[in-house]
PDB file of all heavy atoms in Angstrom:
ATOM      1  N   PRO A   1       0.289  11.780  -9.316  1.00  0.00           N
ATOM      2  CA  PRO A   1      -0.934  11.035  -9.256  1.00  0.00           C
ATOM      3  C   PRO A   1      -0.645   9.741  -8.390  1.00  0.00           C
ATOM      4  O   PRO A   1       0.331   9.099  -8.643  1.00  0.00           O
ATOM      5  CB  PRO A   1      -1.307  10.782 -10.610  1.00  0.00           C
ATOM      6  CG  PRO A   1      -0.027  10.906 -11.445  1.00  0.00           C
ATOM      7  CD  PRO A   1       0.751  11.923 -10.782  1.00  0.00           C
ATOM      8  N   PHE A   2      -1.511   9.420  -7.558  1.00  0.00           N
ATOM      9  CA  PHE A   2      -1.654   8.064  -6.908  1.00  0.00           C
ATOM     10  C   PHE A   2      -1.791   7.011  -7.848  1.00  0.00           C
ATOM     11  O   PHE A   2      -2.476   7.219  -8.851  1.00  0.00           O
ATOM     12  CB  PHE A   2      -2.618   7.944  -5.811  1.00  0.00           C
ATOM     13  CG  PHE A   2      -2.225   8.437  -4.540  1.00  0.00           C
ATOM     14  CD1 PHE A   2      -2.577   9.584  -3.986  1.00  0.00           C
ATOM     15  CD2 PHE A   2      -1.287   7.637  -3.737  1.00  0.00           C
ATOM     16  CE1 PHE A   2      -2.200   9.975  -2.712  1.00  0.00           C
ATOM     17  CE2 PHE A   2      -0.915   8.015  -2.418  1.00  0.00           C
ATOM     18  CZ  PHE A   2      -1.341   9.224  -1.995  1.00  0.00           C
ATOM     19  N   GLN A   3      -1.062   5.891  -7.778  1.00  0.00           N
ATOM     20  CA  GLN A   3      -1.249   4.746  -8.580  1.00  0.00           C
ATOM     21  C   GLN A   3      -2.145   3.738  -7.853  1.00  0.00           C
ATOM     22  O   GLN A   3      -1.867   3.390  -6.802  1.00  0.00           O
ATOM     23  CB  GLN A   3       0.233   4.234  -9.063  1.00  0.00           C
ATOM     24  CG  GLN A   3       0.986   5.302  -9.829  1.00  0.00           C
ATOM     25  CD  GLN A   3       0.347   5.787 -11.046  1.00  0.00           C
ATOM     26  OE1 GLN A   3       0.043   4.892 -11.893  1.00  0.00           O
ATOM     27  NE2 GLN A   3       0.371   7.109 -11.110  1.00  0.00           N
ATOM     28  N   TYR A   4      -2.945   3.053  -8.658  1.00  0.00           N
ATOM     29  CA  TYR A   4      -3.892   2.038  -8.085  1.00  0.00           C
ATOM     30  C   TYR A   4      -4.332   1.071  -9.120  1.00  0.00           C
ATOM     31  O   TYR A   4      -4.469   1.402 -10.265  1.00  0.00           O
ATOM     32  CB  TYR A   4      -4.972   2.794  -7.678  1.00  0.00           C
ATOM     33  CG  TYR A   4      -6.353   2.004  -7.300  1.00  0.00           C
ATOM     34  CD1 TYR A   4      -6.554   1.431  -6.211  1.00  0.00           C
ATOM     35  CD2 TYR A   4      -7.390   1.952  -8.211  1.00  0.00           C
ATOM     36  CE1 TYR A   4      -7.739   0.652  -5.834  1.00  0.00           C
ATOM     37  CE2 TYR A   4      -8.545   1.272  -8.033  1.00  0.00           C
ATOM     38  CZ  TYR A   4      -8.630   0.511  -6.835  1.00  0.00           C
ATOM     39  OH  TYR A   4      -9.804  -0.093  -6.486  1.00  0.00           O
ATOM     40  N   ILE A   5      -4.225  -0.276  -8.693  1.00  0.00           N
ATOM     41  CA  ILE A   5      -4.684  -1.221  -9.616  1.00  0.00           C
ATOM     42  C   ILE A   5      -5.667  -2.228  -8.877  1.00  0.00           C
ATOM     43  O   ILE A   5      -5.342  -2.765  -7.717  1.00  0.00           O
ATOM     44  CB  ILE A   5      -3.454  -2.093 -10.211  1.00  0.00           C
ATOM     45  CG1 ILE A   5      -2.535  -1.290 -10.975  1.00  0.00           C
ATOM     46  CG2 ILE A   5      -4.058  -3.285 -11.125  1.00  0.00           C
ATOM     47  CD1 ILE A   5      -1.320  -1.975 -11.416  1.00  0.00           C
ATOM     48  N   LYS A   6      -6.787  -2.429  -9.404  1.00  0.00           N
ATOM     49  CA  LYS A   6      -7.814  -3.270  -8.818  1.00  0.00           C
ATOM     50  C   LYS A   6      -7.339  -4.691  -9.090  1.00  0.00           C
ATOM     51  O   LYS A   6      -7.127  -5.059 -10.240  1.00  0.00           O
ATOM     52  CB  LYS A   6      -9.227  -3.009  -9.245  1.00  0.00           C
ATOM     53  CG  LYS A   6     -10.259  -4.009  -8.744  1.00  0.00           C
ATOM     54  CD  LYS A   6     -11.711  -3.601  -9.257  1.00  0.00           C
ATOM     55  CE  LYS A   6     -12.632  -4.607  -8.725  1.00  0.00           C
ATOM     56  NZ  LYS A   6     -13.994  -4.400  -9.266  1.00  0.00           N
ATOM     57  N   ALA A   7      -7.381  -5.520  -8.120  1.00  0.00           N
ATOM     58  CA  ALA A   7      -7.009  -7.023  -8.449  1.00  0.00           C
ATOM     59  C   ALA A   7      -8.035  -7.698  -9.315  1.00  0.00           C
ATOM     60  O   ALA A   7      -9.115  -7.559  -9.219  1.00  0.00           O
ATOM     61  CB  ALA A   7      -6.917  -7.772  -6.996  1.00  0.00           C
ATOM     62  N   ASP A   8      -7.306  -8.575 -10.162  1.00  0.00           N
ATOM     63  CA  ASP A   8      -8.131  -9.383 -11.126  1.00  0.00           C
ATOM     64  C   ASP A   8      -7.448 -10.736 -10.924  1.00  0.00           C
ATOM     65  O   ASP A   8      -6.339 -10.938 -11.486  1.00  0.00           O
ATOM     66  CB  ASP A   8      -8.081  -8.859 -12.552  1.00  0.00           C
ATOM     67  CG  ASP A   8      -8.866  -9.700 -13.593  1.00  0.00           C
ATOM     68  OD1 ASP A   8      -8.948 -10.955 -13.378  1.00  0.00           O
ATOM     69  OD2 ASP A   8      -9.328  -9.193 -14.544  1.00  0.00           O
ATOM     70  N   SER A   9      -8.113 -11.681 -10.240  1.00  0.00           N
ATOM     71  CA  SER A   9      -7.523 -12.955 -10.045  1.00  0.00           C
ATOM     72  C   SER A   9      -7.192 -13.656 -11.338  1.00  0.00           C
ATOM     73  O   SER A   9      -6.152 -14.456 -11.271  1.00  0.00           O
ATOM     74  CB  SER A   9      -8.404 -13.752  -9.130  1.00  0.00           C
ATOM     75  OG  SER A   9      -9.647 -13.973  -9.765  1.00  0.00           O
ATOM     76  N   ALA A  10      -7.916 -13.562 -12.330  1.00  0.00           N
ATOM     77  CA  ALA A  10      -7.594 -14.343 -13.612  1.00  0.00           C
ATOM     78  C   ALA A  10      -6.355 -13.697 -14.195  1.00  0.00           C
ATOM     79  O   ALA A  10      -5.540 -14.420 -14.755  1.00  0.00           O
ATOM     80  CB  ALA A  10      -8.848 -14.182 -14.523  1.00  0.00           C
ATOM     81  N   LYS A  11      -6.146 -12.434 -14.113  1.00  0.00           N
ATOM     82  CA  LYS A  11      -4.967 -11.749 -14.753  1.00  0.00           C
ATOM     83  C   LYS A  11      -3.740 -11.797 -13.802  1.00  0.00           C
ATOM     84  O   LYS A  11      -2.517 -11.538 -14.252  1.00  0.00           O
ATOM     85  CB  LYS A  11      -5.280 -10.240 -15.151  1.00  0.00           C
ATOM     86  CG  LYS A  11      -6.381 -10.256 -16.176  1.00  0.00           C
ATOM     87  CD  LYS A  11      -6.649  -8.617 -16.517  1.00  0.00           C
ATOM     88  CE  LYS A  11      -7.593  -8.555 -17.510  1.00  0.00           C
ATOM     89  NZ  LYS A  11      -7.928  -7.072 -17.828  1.00  0.00           N
ATOM     90  N   LYS A  12      -4.000 -12.034 -12.503  1.00  0.00           N
ATOM     91  CA  LYS A  12      -2.875 -11.968 -11.531  1.00  0.00           C
ATOM     92  C   LYS A  12      -2.131 -10.630 -11.612  1.00  0.00           C
ATOM     93  O   LYS A  12      -0.834 -10.644 -11.735  1.00  0.00           O
ATOM     94  CB  LYS A  12      -2.031 -13.160 -11.750  1.00  0.00           C
ATOM     95  CG  LYS A  12      -2.713 -14.393 -11.340  1.00  0.00           C
ATOM     96  CD  LYS A  12      -1.776 -15.735 -11.366  1.00  0.00           C
ATOM     97  CE  LYS A  12      -2.624 -16.897 -11.121  1.00  0.00           C
ATOM     98  NZ  LYS A  12      -1.870 -18.137 -11.296  1.00  0.00           N
ATOM     99  N   ASN A  13      -2.805  -9.518 -11.734  1.00  0.00           N
ATOM    100  CA  ASN A  13      -2.324  -8.322 -11.990  1.00  0.00           C
ATOM    101  C   ASN A  13      -1.787  -7.398 -10.730  1.00  0.00           C
ATOM    102  O   ASN A  13      -1.221  -6.358 -10.928  1.00  0.00           O
ATOM    103  CB  ASN A  13      -3.183  -7.431 -12.756  1.00  0.00           C
ATOM    104  CG  ASN A  13      -4.395  -7.169 -11.954  1.00  0.00           C
ATOM    105  OD1 ASN A  13      -4.912  -7.952 -10.987  1.00  0.00           O
ATOM    106  ND2 ASN A  13      -5.246  -6.112 -12.399  1.00  0.00           N
ATOM    107  N   THR A  14      -1.993  -8.023  -9.508  1.00  0.00           N
ATOM    108  CA  THR A  14      -1.469  -7.268  -8.355  1.00  0.00           C
ATOM    109  C   THR A  14      -0.720  -8.200  -7.385  1.00  0.00           C
ATOM    110  O   THR A  14      -0.908  -9.424  -7.487  1.00  0.00           O
ATOM    111  CB  THR A  14      -2.836  -6.644  -7.623  1.00  0.00           C
ATOM    112  OG1 THR A  14      -3.658  -7.869  -7.269  1.00  0.00           O
ATOM    113  CG2 THR A  14      -3.591  -5.682  -8.586  1.00  0.00           C
ATOM    114  N   LEU A  15      -0.129  -7.504  -6.481  1.00  0.00           N
ATOM    115  CA  LEU A  15       0.614  -8.220  -5.504  1.00  0.00           C
ATOM    116  C   LEU A  15      -0.240  -8.488  -4.226  1.00  0.00           C
ATOM    117  O   LEU A  15      -0.203  -9.435  -3.495  1.00  0.00           O
ATOM    118  CB  LEU A  15       1.778  -7.421  -5.023  1.00  0.00           C
ATOM    119  CG  LEU A  15       2.804  -7.059  -6.066  1.00  0.00           C
ATOM    120  CD1 LEU A  15       3.880  -6.042  -5.410  1.00  0.00           C
ATOM    121  CD2 LEU A  15       3.564  -8.360  -6.552  1.00  0.00           C
ATOM    122  N   ASN A  16      -1.330  -7.601  -3.970  1.00  0.00           N
ATOM    123  CA  ASN A  16      -2.318  -7.908  -2.952  1.00  0.00           C
ATOM    124  C   ASN A  16      -3.493  -8.494  -3.571  1.00  0.00           C
ATOM    125  O   ASN A  16      -3.844  -8.419  -4.707  1.00  0.00           O
ATOM    126  CB  ASN A  16      -2.624  -6.421  -2.271  1.00  0.00           C
ATOM    127  CG  ASN A  16      -1.597  -5.856  -1.508  1.00  0.00           C
ATOM    128  OD1 ASN A  16      -1.067  -6.576  -0.719  1.00  0.00           O
ATOM    129  ND2 ASN A  16      -1.321  -4.650  -1.757  1.00  0.00           N
ATOM    130  N   SER A  17      -4.419  -9.133  -2.670  1.00  0.00           N
ATOM    131  CA  SER A  17      -5.521  -9.762  -3.195  1.00  0.00           C
ATOM    132  C   SER A  17      -6.752  -8.836  -3.529  1.00  0.00           C
ATOM    133  O   SER A  17      -7.610  -9.170  -4.390  1.00  0.00           O
ATOM    134  CB  SER A  17      -6.127 -10.769  -2.072  1.00  0.00           C
ATOM    135  OG  SER A  17      -6.272 -10.100  -0.899  1.00  0.00           O
ATOM    136  N   ASN A  18      -6.741  -7.659  -2.997  1.00  0.00           N
ATOM    137  CA  ASN A  18      -7.825  -6.698  -3.397  1.00  0.00           C
ATOM    138  C   ASN A  18      -7.426  -5.637  -4.418  1.00  0.00           C
ATOM    139  O   ASN A  18      -8.059  -5.329  -5.369  1.00  0.00           O
ATOM    140  CB  ASN A  18      -8.341  -5.996  -2.084  1.00  0.00           C
ATOM    141  CG  ASN A  18      -9.038  -7.002  -1.085  1.00  0.00           C
ATOM    142  OD1 ASN A  18      -9.680  -7.928  -1.500  1.00  0.00           O
ATOM    143  ND2 ASN A  18      -8.870  -6.879   0.143  1.00  0.00           N
ATOM    144  N   TYR A  19      -6.276  -4.829  -3.987  1.00  0.00           N
ATOM    145  CA  TYR A  19      -5.732  -3.981  -4.933  1.00  0.00           C
ATOM    146  C   TYR A  19      -4.265  -3.414  -4.387  1.00  0.00           C
ATOM    147  O   TYR A  19      -3.918  -3.721  -3.299  1.00  0.00           O
ATOM    148  CB  TYR A  19      -6.678  -2.636  -4.879  1.00  0.00           C
ATOM    149  CG  TYR A  19      -6.856  -1.989  -3.405  1.00  0.00           C
ATOM    150  CD1 TYR A  19      -5.889  -1.098  -2.985  1.00  0.00           C
ATOM    151  CD2 TYR A  19      -7.950  -2.246  -2.629  1.00  0.00           C
ATOM    152  CE1 TYR A  19      -5.894  -0.497  -1.748  1.00  0.00           C
ATOM    153  CE2 TYR A  19      -7.919  -1.801  -1.441  1.00  0.00           C
ATOM    154  CZ  TYR A  19      -7.024  -0.813  -0.931  1.00  0.00           C
ATOM    155  OH  TYR A  19      -7.175  -0.306   0.341  1.00  0.00           O
ATOM    156  N   ASP A  20      -3.628  -2.879  -5.362  1.00  0.00           N
ATOM    157  CA  ASP A  20      -2.329  -2.316  -5.007  1.00  0.00           C
ATOM    158  C   ASP A  20      -2.564  -0.813  -5.156  1.00  0.00           C
ATOM    159  O   ASP A  20      -3.067  -0.281  -6.083  1.00  0.00           O
ATOM    160  CB  ASP A  20      -1.272  -2.719  -6.027  1.00  0.00           C
ATOM    161  CG  ASP A  20      -0.896  -4.190  -5.794  1.00  0.00           C
ATOM    162  OD1 ASP A  20      -1.265  -4.840  -4.854  1.00  0.00           O
ATOM    163  OD2 ASP A  20      -0.325  -4.762  -6.818  1.00  0.00           O
ATOM    164  N   LEU A  21      -1.902  -0.111  -4.153  1.00  0.00           N
ATOM    165  CA  LEU A  21      -1.922   1.356  -4.086  1.00  0.00           C
ATOM    166  C   LEU A  21      -0.608   1.823  -3.862  1.00  0.00           C
ATOM    167  O   LEU A  21      -0.067   1.388  -2.824  1.00  0.00           O
ATOM    168  CB  LEU A  21      -2.994   1.783  -2.950  1.00  0.00           C
ATOM    169  CG  LEU A  21      -3.162   3.296  -2.696  1.00  0.00           C
ATOM    170  CD1 LEU A  21      -3.753   4.017  -3.908  1.00  0.00           C
ATOM    171  CD2 LEU A  21      -3.859   3.495  -1.394  1.00  0.00           C
ATOM    172  N   TRP A  22      -0.239   2.797  -4.488  1.00  0.00           N
ATOM    173  CA  TRP A  22       1.223   3.386  -4.171  1.00  0.00           C
ATOM    174  C   TRP A  22       1.474   4.780  -4.701  1.00  0.00           C
ATOM    175  O   TRP A  22       0.695   5.356  -5.634  1.00  0.00           O
ATOM    176  CB  TRP A  22       2.263   2.422  -4.782  1.00  0.00           C
ATOM    177  CG  TRP A  22       2.475   2.383  -6.203  1.00  0.00           C
ATOM    178  CD1 TRP A  22       3.387   3.220  -6.914  1.00  0.00           C
ATOM    179  CD2 TRP A  22       1.726   1.756  -7.241  1.00  0.00           C
ATOM    180  NE1 TRP A  22       3.338   2.923  -8.310  1.00  0.00           N
ATOM    181  CE2 TRP A  22       2.283   1.955  -8.512  1.00  0.00           C
ATOM    182  CE3 TRP A  22       0.722   0.821  -7.092  1.00  0.00           C
ATOM    183  CZ2 TRP A  22       1.864   1.346  -9.687  1.00  0.00           C
ATOM    184  CZ3 TRP A  22       0.260   0.214  -8.389  1.00  0.00           C
ATOM    185  CH2 TRP A  22       0.791   0.539  -9.524  1.00  0.00           C
ATOM    186  N   SER A  23       2.441   5.484  -4.139  1.00  0.00           N
ATOM    187  CA  SER A  23       2.926   6.825  -4.552  1.00  0.00           C
ATOM    188  C   SER A  23       4.405   6.521  -5.012  1.00  0.00           C
ATOM    189  O   SER A  23       5.111   5.783  -4.375  1.00  0.00           O
ATOM    190  CB  SER A  23       2.877   7.652  -3.348  1.00  0.00           C
ATOM    191  OG  SER A  23       3.876   8.711  -3.523  1.00  0.00           O
ATOM    192  N   TYR A  24       4.728   7.192  -6.140  1.00  0.00           N
ATOM    193  CA  TYR A  24       6.169   7.084  -6.487  1.00  0.00           C
ATOM    194  C   TYR A  24       7.049   7.944  -5.604  1.00  0.00           C
ATOM    195  O   TYR A  24       8.227   7.818  -5.604  1.00  0.00           O
ATOM    196  CB  TYR A  24       6.377   7.621  -7.953  1.00  0.00           C
ATOM    197  CG  TYR A  24       5.667   6.707  -8.964  1.00  0.00           C
ATOM    198  CD1 TYR A  24       4.613   7.182  -9.825  1.00  0.00           C
ATOM    199  CD2 TYR A  24       6.226   5.321  -9.157  1.00  0.00           C
ATOM    200  CE1 TYR A  24       4.096   6.273 -10.671  1.00  0.00           C
ATOM    201  CE2 TYR A  24       5.507   4.515 -10.069  1.00  0.00           C
ATOM    202  CZ  TYR A  24       4.613   5.042 -10.833  1.00  0.00           C
ATOM    203  OH  TYR A  24       3.952   4.204 -11.805  1.00  0.00           O
ATOM    204  N   SER A  25       6.451   8.905  -4.867  1.00  0.00           N
ATOM    205  CA  SER A  25       7.121   9.602  -3.740  1.00  0.00           C
ATOM    206  C   SER A  25       8.356  10.298  -4.405  1.00  0.00           C
ATOM    207  O   SER A  25       8.163  11.092  -5.396  1.00  0.00           O
ATOM    208  CB  SER A  25       7.648   8.570  -2.601  1.00  0.00           C
ATOM    209  OG  SER A  25       8.181   9.285  -1.654  1.00  0.00           O
ATOM    210  N   GLN A  26       9.579  10.038  -4.027  1.00  0.00           N
ATOM    211  CA  GLN A  26      10.790  10.828  -4.387  1.00  0.00           C
ATOM    212  C   GLN A  26      11.324  10.261  -5.591  1.00  0.00           C
ATOM    213  O   GLN A  26      12.212  10.733  -6.272  1.00  0.00           O
ATOM    214  CB  GLN A  26      11.867  11.011  -3.350  1.00  0.00           C
ATOM    215  CG  GLN A  26      11.518  11.656  -2.159  1.00  0.00           C
ATOM    216  CD  GLN A  26      11.718  10.907  -0.872  1.00  0.00           C
ATOM    217  OE1 GLN A  26      11.235   9.897  -0.530  1.00  0.00           O
ATOM    218  NE2 GLN A  26      12.705  11.515  -0.141  1.00  0.00           N
ATOM    219  N   ASP A  27      10.802   9.117  -6.182  1.00  0.00           N
ATOM    220  CA  ASP A  27      11.314   8.424  -7.350  1.00  0.00           C
ATOM    221  C   ASP A  27      10.788   9.236  -8.738  1.00  0.00           C
ATOM    222  O   ASP A  27       9.541   9.139  -8.923  1.00  0.00           O
ATOM    223  CB  ASP A  27      10.854   6.982  -7.413  1.00  0.00           C
ATOM    224  CG  ASP A  27      11.418   6.218  -8.558  1.00  0.00           C
ATOM    225  OD1 ASP A  27      12.099   6.911  -9.351  1.00  0.00           O
ATOM    226  OD2 ASP A  27      11.155   4.992  -8.503  1.00  0.00           O
ATOM    227  N   ASP A  28      11.641   9.806  -9.362  1.00  0.00           N
ATOM    228  CA  ASP A  28      11.271  10.547 -10.491  1.00  0.00           C
ATOM    229  C   ASP A  28      11.826   9.817 -11.752  1.00  0.00           C
ATOM    230  O   ASP A  28      11.793  10.400 -12.903  1.00  0.00           O
ATOM    231  CB  ASP A  28      11.700  11.959 -10.388  1.00  0.00           C
ATOM    232  CG  ASP A  28      13.178  12.145 -10.406  1.00  0.00           C
ATOM    233  OD1 ASP A  28      13.918  11.178 -10.260  1.00  0.00           O
ATOM    234  OD2 ASP A  28      13.576  13.415 -10.339  1.00  0.00           O
ATOM    235  N   LYS A  29      12.154   8.546 -11.640  1.00  0.00           N
ATOM    236  CA  LYS A  29      12.763   7.812 -12.852  1.00  0.00           C
ATOM    237  C   LYS A  29      11.789   6.700 -13.256  1.00  0.00           C
ATOM    238  O   LYS A  29      11.630   6.511 -14.454  1.00  0.00           O
ATOM    239  CB  LYS A  29      14.140   7.245 -12.453  1.00  0.00           C
ATOM    240  CG  LYS A  29      15.152   8.322 -12.295  1.00  0.00           C
ATOM    241  CD  LYS A  29      16.505   7.633 -11.894  1.00  0.00           C
ATOM    242  CE  LYS A  29      17.522   8.726 -11.633  1.00  0.00           C
ATOM    243  NZ  LYS A  29      18.860   8.307 -11.272  1.00  0.00           N
ATOM    244  N   ASN A  30      11.305   6.047 -12.348  1.00  0.00           N
ATOM    245  CA  ASN A  30      10.410   4.759 -12.621  1.00  0.00           C
ATOM    246  C   ASN A  30       9.078   5.086 -12.600  1.00  0.00           C
ATOM    247  O   ASN A  30       8.185   4.291 -12.134  1.00  0.00           O
ATOM    248  CB  ASN A  30      10.818   3.820 -11.561  1.00  0.00           C
ATOM    249  CG  ASN A  30      12.356   3.376 -11.622  1.00  0.00           C
ATOM    250  OD1 ASN A  30      12.894   2.989 -12.677  1.00  0.00           O
ATOM    251  ND2 ASN A  30      12.942   3.590 -10.590  1.00  0.00           N
ATOM    252  N   VAL A  31       8.530   6.265 -13.213  1.00  0.00           N
ATOM    253  CA  VAL A  31       7.134   6.702 -13.048  1.00  0.00           C
ATOM    254  C   VAL A  31       6.203   6.045 -13.877  1.00  0.00           C
ATOM    255  O   VAL A  31       5.024   6.411 -13.745  1.00  0.00           O
ATOM    256  CB  VAL A  31       7.146   8.241 -13.189  1.00  0.00           C
ATOM    257  CG1 VAL A  31       7.951   8.922 -12.140  1.00  0.00           C
ATOM    258  CG2 VAL A  31       7.652   8.654 -14.658  1.00  0.00           C
ATOM    259  N   MET A  32       6.543   5.093 -14.680  1.00  0.00           N
ATOM    260  CA  MET A  32       5.675   4.321 -15.462  1.00  0.00           C
ATOM    261  C   MET A  32       5.615   2.855 -15.135  1.00  0.00           C
ATOM    262  O   MET A  32       4.824   2.088 -15.608  1.00  0.00           O
ATOM    263  CB  MET A  32       5.910   4.405 -16.965  1.00  0.00           C
ATOM    264  CG  MET A  32       5.783   5.863 -17.449  1.00  0.00           C
ATOM    265  SD  MET A  32       4.022   6.492 -17.409  1.00  0.00           S
ATOM    266  CE  MET A  32       3.265   5.648 -18.756  1.00  0.00           C
ATOM    267  N   ALA A  33       6.407   2.493 -14.022  1.00  0.00           N
ATOM    268  CA  ALA A  33       6.488   1.097 -13.473  1.00  0.00           C
ATOM    269  C   ALA A  33       5.262   0.877 -12.791  1.00  0.00           C
ATOM    270  O   ALA A  33       4.607   1.727 -12.136  1.00  0.00           O
ATOM    271  CB  ALA A  33       7.723   1.000 -12.758  1.00  0.00           C
ATOM    272  N   LYS A  34       4.889  -0.424 -12.721  1.00  0.00           N
ATOM    273  CA  LYS A  34       3.700  -0.867 -11.989  1.00  0.00           C
ATOM    274  C   LYS A  34       4.067  -1.834 -10.816  1.00  0.00           C
ATOM    275  O   LYS A  34       5.239  -2.230 -10.641  1.00  0.00           O
ATOM    276  CB  LYS A  34       2.750  -1.675 -12.987  1.00  0.00           C
ATOM    277  CG  LYS A  34       2.214  -0.817 -14.024  1.00  0.00           C
ATOM    278  CD  LYS A  34       1.105  -1.637 -14.905  1.00  0.00           C
ATOM    279  CE  LYS A  34       0.586  -0.809 -15.948  1.00  0.00           C
ATOM    280  NZ  LYS A  34      -0.385  -1.607 -16.701  1.00  0.00           N
ATOM    281  N   SER A  35       3.214  -2.063  -9.891  1.00  0.00           N
ATOM    282  CA  SER A  35       3.451  -2.746  -8.666  1.00  0.00           C
ATOM    283  C   SER A  35       4.045  -4.179  -8.996  1.00  0.00           C
ATOM    284  O   SER A  35       4.985  -4.573  -8.353  1.00  0.00           O
ATOM    285  CB  SER A  35       2.156  -2.886  -7.834  1.00  0.00           C
ATOM    286  OG  SER A  35       1.043  -3.421  -8.693  1.00  0.00           O
ATOM    287  N   LYS A  36       3.528  -4.775 -10.049  1.00  0.00           N
ATOM    288  CA  LYS A  36       4.042  -6.115 -10.315  1.00  0.00           C
ATOM    289  C   LYS A  36       5.385  -6.095 -10.880  1.00  0.00           C
ATOM    290  O   LYS A  36       6.177  -7.240 -10.687  1.00  0.00           O
ATOM    291  CB  LYS A  36       3.078  -6.850 -11.431  1.00  0.00           C
ATOM    292  CG  LYS A  36       1.715  -7.264 -10.857  1.00  0.00           C
ATOM    293  CD  LYS A  36       1.901  -8.609  -9.963  1.00  0.00           C
ATOM    294  CE  LYS A  36       2.102  -9.849 -10.896  1.00  0.00           C
ATOM    295  NZ  LYS A  36       2.071 -11.075 -10.087  1.00  0.00           N
ATOM    296  N   ASP A  37       5.870  -4.999 -11.330  1.00  0.00           N
ATOM    297  CA  ASP A  37       7.288  -4.880 -11.762  1.00  0.00           C
ATOM    298  C   ASP A  37       8.375  -5.025 -10.684  1.00  0.00           C
ATOM    299  O   ASP A  37       9.392  -5.446 -10.866  1.00  0.00           O
ATOM    300  CB  ASP A  37       7.507  -3.560 -12.543  1.00  0.00           C
ATOM    301  CG  ASP A  37       6.658  -3.401 -13.740  1.00  0.00           C
ATOM    302  OD1 ASP A  37       6.293  -4.415 -14.379  1.00  0.00           O
ATOM    303  OD2 ASP A  37       6.278  -2.298 -14.126  1.00  0.00           O
ATOM    304  N   THR A  38       7.838  -4.854  -9.380  1.00  0.00           N
ATOM    305  CA  THR A  38       8.757  -4.902  -8.280  1.00  0.00           C
ATOM    306  C   THR A  38       9.063  -6.308  -7.924  1.00  0.00           C
ATOM    307  O   THR A  38       9.853  -6.579  -7.049  1.00  0.00           O
ATOM    308  CB  THR A  38       8.230  -4.114  -7.102  1.00  0.00           C
ATOM    309  OG1 THR A  38       6.957  -4.708  -6.617  1.00  0.00           O
ATOM    310  CG2 THR A  38       7.934  -2.566  -7.490  1.00  0.00           C
ATOM    311  N   GLU A  39       8.161  -7.204  -8.327  1.00  0.00           N
ATOM    312  CA  GLU A  39       8.531  -8.733  -8.067  1.00  0.00           C
ATOM    313  C   GLU A  39       9.816  -9.083  -8.526  1.00  0.00           C
ATOM    314  O   GLU A  39      10.500  -9.849  -7.900  1.00  0.00           O
ATOM    315  CB  GLU A  39       7.357  -9.593  -8.757  1.00  0.00           C
ATOM    316  CG  GLU A  39       6.168  -9.712  -7.839  1.00  0.00           C
ATOM    317  CD  GLU A  39       5.261 -10.915  -8.525  1.00  0.00           C
ATOM    318  OE1 GLU A  39       4.987 -10.848  -9.707  1.00  0.00           O
ATOM    319  OE2 GLU A  39       4.537 -11.520  -7.581  1.00  0.00           O
ATOM    320  N   ALA A  40      10.089  -8.702  -9.764  1.00  0.00           N
ATOM    321  CA  ALA A  40      11.420  -9.156 -10.347  1.00  0.00           C
ATOM    322  C   ALA A  40      12.603  -8.266  -9.844  1.00  0.00           C
ATOM    323  O   ALA A  40      13.675  -8.640 -10.027  1.00  0.00           O
ATOM    324  CB  ALA A  40      11.199  -9.107 -11.902  1.00  0.00           C
ATOM    325  N   ASN A  41      12.166  -7.011  -9.476  1.00  0.00           N
ATOM    326  CA  ASN A  41      13.229  -6.040  -9.063  1.00  0.00           C
ATOM    327  C   ASN A  41      12.696  -5.235  -7.785  1.00  0.00           C
ATOM    328  O   ASN A  41      12.097  -4.219  -8.064  1.00  0.00           O
ATOM    329  CB  ASN A  41      13.540  -5.164 -10.346  1.00  0.00           C
ATOM    330  CG  ASN A  41      14.631  -4.092  -9.980  1.00  0.00           C
ATOM    331  OD1 ASN A  41      15.280  -4.150  -8.875  1.00  0.00           O
ATOM    332  ND2 ASN A  41      14.908  -3.205 -10.835  1.00  0.00           N
TER     333      ASN A  41
END
């Protein structure tokens, strides 16, 4: 499944101002991680 988060400026829940969209592609380990998790790693 494609992963997608609509931006909420109050929650600061995305890296982009509108939405984050991503595919885990070949990654079969971090399949519950979210876009914001990549800020720290």
